[in-house]
N, C-alpha and C. Protein backbone atom coordinates (compact mmCIF):
# COMPACT_ATOMS: atom_id res chain seq x y z
N MET A 1 67.04 86.47 115.68
CA MET A 1 67.68 86.58 114.38
C MET A 1 69.10 87.10 114.57
N PRO A 2 70.12 86.45 113.98
CA PRO A 2 71.49 86.90 114.17
C PRO A 2 71.81 88.22 113.52
N LYS A 3 72.70 88.96 114.06
CA LYS A 3 73.15 90.24 113.51
C LYS A 3 74.08 89.95 112.33
N GLN A 4 74.20 90.93 111.42
CA GLN A 4 75.07 90.76 110.28
C GLN A 4 76.07 91.89 110.20
N SER A 5 77.28 91.56 109.76
CA SER A 5 78.31 92.51 109.61
C SER A 5 77.92 93.55 108.53
N PRO A 6 78.30 94.80 108.72
CA PRO A 6 78.08 95.82 107.70
C PRO A 6 78.88 95.46 106.40
N LEU A 7 79.86 94.63 106.54
CA LEU A 7 80.73 94.21 105.41
C LEU A 7 80.26 92.93 104.77
N LYS A 8 79.09 92.41 105.13
CA LYS A 8 78.63 91.11 104.65
C LYS A 8 78.57 91.03 103.12
N GLN A 9 78.07 92.10 102.51
CA GLN A 9 77.96 92.09 101.03
C GLN A 9 79.32 92.04 100.37
N LEU A 10 80.31 92.72 100.92
CA LEU A 10 81.70 92.63 100.41
C LEU A 10 82.24 91.22 100.59
N HIS A 11 82.02 90.63 101.75
CA HIS A 11 82.42 89.27 102.03
C HIS A 11 81.77 88.30 101.02
N ARG A 12 80.48 88.53 100.76
CA ARG A 12 79.76 87.66 99.82
C ARG A 12 80.39 87.77 98.42
N ILE A 13 80.69 88.98 98.00
CA ILE A 13 81.32 89.20 96.66
C ILE A 13 82.66 88.47 96.58
N ALA A 14 83.37 88.45 97.78
CA ALA A 14 84.65 87.74 97.80
C ALA A 14 84.50 86.20 98.02
N ARG A 15 83.21 85.73 97.92
CA ARG A 15 82.92 84.34 98.02
C ARG A 15 83.23 83.72 99.40
N ALA A 16 82.92 84.44 100.44
CA ALA A 16 83.17 83.93 101.82
C ALA A 16 82.14 82.82 102.12
N GLU A 17 82.61 81.94 102.96
CA GLU A 17 81.73 80.98 103.64
C GLU A 17 81.46 81.58 105.02
N PHE A 18 80.21 81.54 105.47
CA PHE A 18 79.83 82.16 106.72
C PHE A 18 79.54 81.17 107.83
N THR A 19 79.71 81.69 109.05
CA THR A 19 79.34 80.93 110.23
C THR A 19 78.62 81.84 111.21
N GLU A 20 77.92 81.26 112.13
CA GLU A 20 77.29 82.05 113.17
C GLU A 20 78.11 81.94 114.44
N GLU A 21 78.43 83.14 115.02
CA GLU A 21 79.24 83.15 116.24
C GLU A 21 78.66 84.20 117.15
N ASP A 22 78.28 83.76 118.36
CA ASP A 22 77.77 84.69 119.36
C ASP A 22 76.67 85.62 118.84
N GLY A 23 75.79 85.03 118.04
CA GLY A 23 74.66 85.84 117.55
C GLY A 23 74.97 86.70 116.34
N TRP A 24 76.10 86.45 115.72
CA TRP A 24 76.49 87.23 114.54
C TRP A 24 76.82 86.25 113.37
N ILE A 25 76.45 86.67 112.15
CA ILE A 25 76.86 85.95 110.97
C ILE A 25 78.15 86.58 110.48
N LEU A 26 79.23 85.80 110.46
CA LEU A 26 80.59 86.31 110.13
C LEU A 26 81.24 85.40 109.12
N PRO A 27 82.17 85.99 108.35
CA PRO A 27 82.94 85.12 107.37
C PRO A 27 83.81 84.15 108.12
N LEU A 28 83.82 82.92 107.59
CA LEU A 28 84.68 81.88 108.18
C LEU A 28 85.96 81.74 107.36
N TYR A 29 85.78 81.65 106.08
CA TYR A 29 86.93 81.60 105.17
C TYR A 29 86.54 81.99 103.77
N PHE A 30 87.52 82.18 102.93
CA PHE A 30 87.24 82.69 101.55
C PHE A 30 87.80 81.69 100.52
N GLY A 31 87.66 80.43 100.72
CA GLY A 31 88.12 79.46 99.74
C GLY A 31 89.40 78.77 100.17
N ASP A 32 90.33 78.67 99.26
CA ASP A 32 91.60 77.98 99.49
C ASP A 32 92.40 78.62 100.59
N SER A 33 92.67 77.90 101.68
CA SER A 33 93.35 78.51 102.83
C SER A 33 94.80 78.89 102.49
N LEU A 34 95.46 78.11 101.70
CA LEU A 34 96.83 78.46 101.30
C LEU A 34 96.82 79.77 100.49
N GLN A 35 95.92 79.93 99.59
CA GLN A 35 95.83 81.17 98.83
C GLN A 35 95.49 82.33 99.70
N GLU A 36 94.63 82.15 100.68
CA GLU A 36 94.35 83.23 101.65
C GLU A 36 95.63 83.64 102.37
N TYR A 37 96.35 82.67 102.87
CA TYR A 37 97.61 82.89 103.59
C TYR A 37 98.59 83.68 102.71
N LEU A 38 98.81 83.21 101.48
CA LEU A 38 99.76 83.87 100.61
C LEU A 38 99.34 85.29 100.29
N THR A 39 98.03 85.53 100.08
CA THR A 39 97.55 86.84 99.84
C THR A 39 97.84 87.79 100.96
N VAL A 40 97.50 87.35 102.16
CA VAL A 40 97.73 88.15 103.35
C VAL A 40 99.23 88.46 103.54
N ARG A 41 100.06 87.47 103.30
CA ARG A 41 101.50 87.65 103.44
C ARG A 41 102.09 88.63 102.43
N SER A 42 101.57 88.60 101.17
CA SER A 42 102.12 89.41 100.15
C SER A 42 101.37 90.74 99.89
N GLN A 43 100.16 90.85 100.36
CA GLN A 43 99.37 92.05 100.11
C GLN A 43 98.82 92.58 101.47
N VAL A 44 97.55 92.39 101.69
CA VAL A 44 96.94 92.90 102.93
C VAL A 44 95.71 92.05 103.24
N GLY A 45 95.35 92.01 104.50
CA GLY A 45 94.14 91.33 104.93
C GLY A 45 93.41 92.15 105.97
N ILE A 46 92.13 91.98 106.06
CA ILE A 46 91.30 92.67 107.01
C ILE A 46 90.55 91.64 107.76
N LEU A 47 90.52 91.70 109.09
CA LEU A 47 89.77 90.84 109.93
C LEU A 47 88.52 91.55 110.41
N ASP A 48 87.37 90.97 110.05
CA ASP A 48 86.09 91.58 110.41
C ASP A 48 85.77 91.20 111.85
N LEU A 49 85.95 92.15 112.74
CA LEU A 49 85.63 91.97 114.17
C LEU A 49 84.48 92.85 114.58
N CYS A 50 83.52 93.05 113.71
CA CYS A 50 82.38 93.94 114.02
C CYS A 50 81.62 93.48 115.23
N ASN A 51 81.68 92.24 115.54
CA ASN A 51 80.99 91.70 116.70
C ASN A 51 81.64 92.06 118.05
N ARG A 52 82.82 92.66 117.95
CA ARG A 52 83.60 92.93 119.20
C ARG A 52 83.68 94.42 119.55
N GLY A 53 83.22 95.27 118.68
CA GLY A 53 83.31 96.70 118.97
C GLY A 53 83.26 97.57 117.72
N LEU A 54 83.50 98.84 117.91
CA LEU A 54 83.41 99.79 116.79
C LEU A 54 84.79 100.58 116.77
N LEU A 55 85.29 100.69 115.56
CA LEU A 55 86.47 101.49 115.32
C LEU A 55 86.07 102.77 114.60
N ARG A 56 86.63 103.86 115.04
CA ARG A 56 86.33 105.13 114.42
C ARG A 56 87.70 105.73 113.95
N PHE A 57 87.82 105.97 112.67
CA PHE A 57 89.08 106.60 112.14
C PHE A 57 88.87 108.08 111.99
N THR A 58 89.84 108.83 112.52
CA THR A 58 89.73 110.24 112.44
C THR A 58 91.10 110.79 111.98
N GLY A 59 91.15 112.04 111.59
CA GLY A 59 92.38 112.66 111.20
C GLY A 59 92.41 113.02 109.76
N PRO A 60 93.32 113.91 109.35
CA PRO A 60 93.34 114.39 107.97
C PRO A 60 93.72 113.31 106.92
N ASP A 61 94.39 112.22 107.32
CA ASP A 61 94.84 111.23 106.37
C ASP A 61 93.89 110.04 106.25
N ARG A 62 92.74 110.10 106.91
CA ARG A 62 91.75 108.96 106.82
C ARG A 62 91.11 109.02 105.47
N VAL A 63 90.56 107.88 105.03
CA VAL A 63 89.81 107.79 103.82
C VAL A 63 88.40 108.08 104.15
N SER A 64 87.77 108.96 103.36
CA SER A 64 86.37 109.35 103.64
C SER A 64 85.42 108.26 103.18
C-alpha cells in the first residue's frame, strides 16, 4: 500500500490531482497550470517533498 503525505487532506481541499511516485501518493497538479504558475509568482507556493525527507523548523520565530 502506498504511503500518503501528511498534507494529503490539504491537497485534496485544494482540488489536487494525485499520482503515485516511488511508493507515495503525491499531488501532481492543482488544476489550471497557468493559474498555478501565476499564483506562485505573485504569492507563494509549497512543494510537498515528504517522500524525500523530514524538515524540522526550530527557533523563536517558527510557527507552532
